[in-house]
N, C-alpha and C. Protein backbone atom coordinates (compact mmCIF):
# COMPACT_ATOMS: atom_id res chain seq x y z
N MET A 1 0.85 -1.18 0.00
CA MET A 1 0.00 0.00 0.00
C MET A 1 0.89 1.24 0.00
N GLN A 2 0.51 2.21 -0.81
CA GLN A 2 1.22 3.48 -0.86
C GLN A 2 0.25 4.62 -0.58
N GLU A 3 0.77 5.64 0.09
CA GLU A 3 -0.04 6.81 0.40
C GLU A 3 0.74 8.03 -0.06
N LEU A 4 0.04 8.95 -0.71
CA LEU A 4 0.69 10.17 -1.17
C LEU A 4 -0.27 11.34 -1.02
N THR A 5 0.32 12.52 -0.89
CA THR A 5 -0.48 13.74 -0.78
C THR A 5 -0.22 14.57 -2.02
N LEU A 6 -1.31 14.98 -2.67
CA LEU A 6 -1.23 15.77 -3.89
C LEU A 6 -2.07 17.03 -3.74
N LYS A 7 -1.68 18.07 -4.45
CA LYS A 7 -2.40 19.35 -4.43
C LYS A 7 -3.36 19.42 -5.61
N VAL A 8 -4.57 19.88 -5.34
CA VAL A 8 -5.57 20.10 -6.39
C VAL A 8 -5.25 21.43 -7.06
N LEU A 9 -4.97 21.39 -8.35
CA LEU A 9 -4.57 22.60 -9.08
C LEU A 9 -5.69 23.21 -9.92
N ASN A 10 -6.75 22.47 -10.16
CA ASN A 10 -7.85 22.96 -10.98
C ASN A 10 -8.57 24.11 -10.27
N LYS A 11 -8.92 25.15 -11.03
CA LYS A 11 -9.58 26.34 -10.46
C LYS A 11 -10.81 25.99 -9.63
N ALA A 12 -11.62 25.06 -10.13
CA ALA A 12 -12.87 24.71 -9.44
C ALA A 12 -12.71 23.51 -8.52
N GLY A 13 -11.49 23.04 -8.31
CA GLY A 13 -11.27 21.91 -7.41
C GLY A 13 -11.61 20.58 -8.08
N LEU A 14 -11.93 19.60 -7.24
CA LEU A 14 -12.29 18.28 -7.77
C LEU A 14 -13.79 18.27 -8.10
N HIS A 15 -14.13 18.94 -9.18
CA HIS A 15 -15.51 19.02 -9.63
C HIS A 15 -15.79 17.89 -10.62
N ALA A 16 -16.84 17.99 -11.39
CA ALA A 16 -17.31 16.91 -12.25
C ALA A 16 -16.27 16.43 -13.28
N ARG A 17 -15.61 17.35 -13.94
CA ARG A 17 -14.68 16.93 -15.00
C ARG A 17 -13.49 16.14 -14.46
N PRO A 18 -12.78 16.63 -13.44
CA PRO A 18 -11.70 15.82 -12.88
C PRO A 18 -12.20 14.51 -12.26
N ALA A 19 -13.35 14.56 -11.60
CA ALA A 19 -13.90 13.34 -11.00
C ALA A 19 -14.20 12.30 -12.08
N LYS A 20 -14.71 12.74 -13.21
CA LYS A 20 -14.98 11.83 -14.32
C LYS A 20 -13.68 11.19 -14.83
N GLU A 21 -12.61 11.99 -14.89
CA GLU A 21 -11.33 11.46 -15.35
C GLU A 21 -10.79 10.41 -14.37
N LEU A 22 -10.99 10.62 -13.08
CA LEU A 22 -10.57 9.64 -12.09
C LEU A 22 -11.35 8.33 -12.25
N VAL A 23 -12.65 8.44 -12.47
CA VAL A 23 -13.48 7.25 -12.68
C VAL A 23 -13.02 6.49 -13.92
N LYS A 24 -12.78 7.22 -15.01
CA LYS A 24 -12.29 6.57 -16.24
C LYS A 24 -10.96 5.88 -15.98
N PHE A 25 -10.07 6.54 -15.28
CA PHE A 25 -8.77 5.96 -14.96
C PHE A 25 -8.93 4.69 -14.13
N SER A 26 -9.86 4.69 -13.19
CA SER A 26 -10.04 3.55 -12.29
C SER A 26 -10.44 2.28 -13.03
N ARG A 27 -11.05 2.43 -14.17
CA ARG A 27 -11.51 1.27 -14.94
C ARG A 27 -10.34 0.47 -15.53
N GLY A 28 -9.19 1.10 -15.68
CA GLY A 28 -8.06 0.45 -16.31
C GLY A 28 -6.97 -0.02 -15.35
N ILE A 29 -7.26 0.01 -14.05
CA ILE A 29 -6.25 -0.39 -13.07
C ILE A 29 -6.76 -1.53 -12.20
N LYS A 30 -5.83 -2.19 -11.53
CA LYS A 30 -6.19 -3.29 -10.64
C LYS A 30 -6.23 -2.84 -9.18
N SER A 31 -5.51 -1.79 -8.85
CA SER A 31 -5.44 -1.30 -7.47
C SER A 31 -6.72 -0.60 -7.05
N GLU A 32 -6.95 -0.59 -5.75
CA GLU A 32 -8.02 0.20 -5.15
C GLU A 32 -7.43 1.55 -4.77
N VAL A 33 -8.13 2.63 -5.08
CA VAL A 33 -7.62 3.97 -4.79
C VAL A 33 -8.71 4.75 -4.05
N PHE A 34 -8.31 5.33 -2.92
CA PHE A 34 -9.20 6.17 -2.14
C PHE A 34 -8.59 7.56 -2.02
N VAL A 35 -9.45 8.58 -2.10
CA VAL A 35 -9.04 9.97 -1.92
C VAL A 35 -9.61 10.43 -0.59
N LYS A 36 -8.77 11.06 0.23
CA LYS A 36 -9.22 11.56 1.52
C LYS A 36 -9.01 13.06 1.59
N PHE A 37 -10.03 13.74 2.13
CA PHE A 37 -9.94 15.19 2.31
C PHE A 37 -10.86 15.61 3.43
N ASN A 38 -10.33 16.37 4.35
CA ASN A 38 -11.15 16.98 5.40
C ASN A 38 -11.98 15.95 6.16
N GLY A 39 -11.38 14.83 6.48
CA GLY A 39 -12.06 13.80 7.27
C GLY A 39 -12.97 12.88 6.49
N LYS A 40 -13.08 13.08 5.19
CA LYS A 40 -13.94 12.23 4.35
C LYS A 40 -13.07 11.43 3.40
N SER A 41 -13.61 10.30 2.94
CA SER A 41 -12.89 9.43 2.02
C SER A 41 -13.83 8.97 0.92
N ALA A 42 -13.28 8.81 -0.30
CA ALA A 42 -14.08 8.33 -1.43
C ALA A 42 -13.22 7.45 -2.33
N ASN A 43 -13.82 6.40 -2.84
CA ASN A 43 -13.17 5.56 -3.84
C ASN A 43 -13.20 6.34 -5.15
N ILE A 44 -12.11 6.31 -5.93
CA ILE A 44 -12.10 7.06 -7.18
C ILE A 44 -13.05 6.46 -8.22
N LYS A 45 -13.63 5.31 -7.93
CA LYS A 45 -14.63 4.73 -8.83
C LYS A 45 -15.97 5.45 -8.71
N SER A 46 -16.11 6.28 -7.68
CA SER A 46 -17.37 6.98 -7.44
C SER A 46 -17.24 8.47 -7.75
N MET A 47 -17.81 8.89 -8.87
CA MET A 47 -17.75 10.29 -9.26
C MET A 47 -18.41 11.18 -8.20
N MET A 48 -19.57 10.77 -7.72
CA MET A 48 -20.27 11.56 -6.70
C MET A 48 -19.48 11.59 -5.39
N GLY A 49 -18.84 10.46 -5.06
CA GLY A 49 -18.03 10.41 -3.86
C GLY A 49 -16.86 11.38 -3.92
N VAL A 50 -16.16 11.40 -5.05
CA VAL A 50 -15.02 12.31 -5.23
C VAL A 50 -15.50 13.76 -5.18
N MET A 51 -16.57 14.06 -5.89
CA MET A 51 -17.09 15.43 -5.88
C MET A 51 -17.57 15.83 -4.48
N GLY A 52 -18.13 14.87 -3.75
CA GLY A 52 -18.66 15.14 -2.41
C GLY A 52 -17.60 15.46 -1.37
N LEU A 53 -16.34 15.22 -1.70
CA LEU A 53 -15.27 15.56 -0.76
C LEU A 53 -15.14 17.07 -0.58
N GLY A 54 -15.51 17.82 -1.60
CA GLY A 54 -15.46 19.28 -1.51
C GLY A 54 -14.05 19.85 -1.57
N ALA A 55 -13.14 19.14 -2.23
CA ALA A 55 -11.75 19.62 -2.32
C ALA A 55 -11.66 20.75 -3.34
N LYS A 56 -11.30 21.92 -2.87
CA LYS A 56 -11.18 23.12 -3.71
C LYS A 56 -9.76 23.28 -4.23
N LYS A 57 -9.57 24.28 -5.07
CA LYS A 57 -8.23 24.60 -5.59
C LYS A 57 -7.25 24.79 -4.43
N ASP A 58 -6.06 24.27 -4.60
CA ASP A 58 -4.96 24.34 -3.64
C ASP A 58 -5.15 23.44 -2.42
N ALA A 59 -6.20 22.63 -2.41
CA ALA A 59 -6.39 21.67 -1.31
C ALA A 59 -5.38 20.54 -1.44
N ASP A 60 -4.88 20.07 -0.33
CA ASP A 60 -4.02 18.89 -0.30
C ASP A 60 -4.90 17.68 0.01
N VAL A 61 -4.92 16.73 -0.91
CA VAL A 61 -5.69 15.51 -0.71
C VAL A 61 -4.72 14.34 -0.56
N THR A 62 -5.13 13.35 0.20
CA THR A 62 -4.32 12.17 0.42
C THR A 62 -4.92 11.02 -0.37
N LEU A 63 -4.08 10.35 -1.15
CA LEU A 63 -4.52 9.20 -1.92
C LEU A 63 -3.87 7.95 -1.35
N THR A 64 -4.67 6.91 -1.20
CA THR A 64 -4.18 5.61 -0.76
C THR A 64 -4.37 4.65 -1.91
N VAL A 65 -3.28 4.01 -2.32
CA VAL A 65 -3.29 3.09 -3.46
C VAL A 65 -2.85 1.73 -2.97
N ASP A 66 -3.68 0.71 -3.22
CA ASP A 66 -3.37 -0.63 -2.76
C ASP A 66 -3.68 -1.64 -3.84
N GLY A 67 -2.66 -2.33 -4.32
CA GLY A 67 -2.88 -3.35 -5.33
C GLY A 67 -1.62 -3.69 -6.09
N PRO A 68 -1.73 -4.61 -7.02
CA PRO A 68 -0.56 -5.12 -7.72
C PRO A 68 0.11 -4.12 -8.66
N ASP A 69 -0.61 -3.08 -9.09
CA ASP A 69 -0.03 -2.10 -10.01
C ASP A 69 0.13 -0.73 -9.36
N GLU A 70 0.28 -0.73 -8.04
CA GLU A 70 0.26 0.55 -7.32
C GLU A 70 1.38 1.51 -7.71
N ALA A 71 2.56 1.02 -8.04
CA ALA A 71 3.65 1.94 -8.43
C ALA A 71 3.28 2.71 -9.69
N GLU A 72 2.72 2.02 -10.68
CA GLU A 72 2.30 2.68 -11.91
C GLU A 72 1.12 3.62 -11.66
N VAL A 73 0.22 3.21 -10.79
CA VAL A 73 -0.95 4.02 -10.47
C VAL A 73 -0.53 5.31 -9.76
N VAL A 74 0.39 5.20 -8.82
CA VAL A 74 0.88 6.39 -8.11
C VAL A 74 1.50 7.37 -9.10
N LYS A 75 2.32 6.89 -10.00
CA LYS A 75 2.94 7.75 -11.02
C LYS A 75 1.89 8.43 -11.88
N ALA A 76 0.92 7.64 -12.35
CA ALA A 76 -0.12 8.18 -13.23
C ALA A 76 -0.97 9.22 -12.49
N LEU A 77 -1.34 8.96 -11.26
CA LEU A 77 -2.15 9.92 -10.49
C LEU A 77 -1.37 11.20 -10.22
N THR A 78 -0.09 11.06 -9.91
CA THR A 78 0.75 12.24 -9.69
C THR A 78 0.76 13.11 -10.94
N ASP A 79 0.91 12.48 -12.08
CA ASP A 79 0.90 13.21 -13.36
C ASP A 79 -0.47 13.85 -13.63
N MET A 80 -1.53 13.10 -13.37
CA MET A 80 -2.89 13.62 -13.60
C MET A 80 -3.14 14.88 -12.79
N PHE A 81 -2.81 14.84 -11.51
CA PHE A 81 -3.02 16.01 -10.66
C PHE A 81 -2.15 17.17 -11.11
N ALA A 82 -0.89 16.90 -11.44
CA ALA A 82 0.04 17.96 -11.85
C ALA A 82 -0.40 18.63 -13.15
N GLN A 83 -1.05 17.87 -14.03
CA GLN A 83 -1.49 18.39 -15.32
C GLN A 83 -2.94 18.85 -15.31
N GLY A 84 -3.53 18.96 -14.13
CA GLY A 84 -4.91 19.44 -14.02
C GLY A 84 -5.90 18.53 -14.72
N PHE A 85 -5.60 17.23 -14.74
CA PHE A 85 -6.46 16.21 -15.35
C PHE A 85 -6.67 16.46 -16.84
N GLY A 86 -5.73 17.18 -17.44
CA GLY A 86 -5.81 17.46 -18.87
C GLY A 86 -6.58 18.71 -19.22
N PHE A 87 -7.10 19.39 -18.23
CA PHE A 87 -7.88 20.61 -18.47
C PHE A 87 -6.99 21.82 -18.19
N THR A 88 -6.08 22.09 -19.10
CA THR A 88 -5.10 23.15 -18.89
C THR A 88 -5.75 24.53 -18.79
N ASP A 89 -6.96 24.68 -19.32
CA ASP A 89 -7.67 25.95 -19.22
C ASP A 89 -8.09 26.21 -17.77
N GLU A 90 -8.00 25.21 -16.91
CA GLU A 90 -8.40 25.36 -15.52
C GLU A 90 -7.23 25.60 -14.58
N LEU A 91 -6.04 25.70 -15.14
CA LEU A 91 -4.85 25.93 -14.32
C LEU A 91 -4.46 27.40 -14.40
N GLU A 92 -3.92 27.90 -13.30
CA GLU A 92 -3.44 29.29 -13.29
C GLU A 92 -1.95 29.30 -13.17
């Protein structure tokens, strides 16, 4: 199991578009991934769960990755967060 803390860079935080990207990503991995913020936790397979965390821009979220492909998943998630989930228009 690996745990990492990443910063939300998107202007609107973890809203629908980034949450959708996390759900899409979860379909192609074997590991279980949970995002934690402000005392709440959500599986990245749940778009509503991720959005319900209420993580705004510049929030630090903790991700827990557990499974056979966790090293690759950690790298990919780090890149996704750093690149604003591909929505460069949402980065400042």
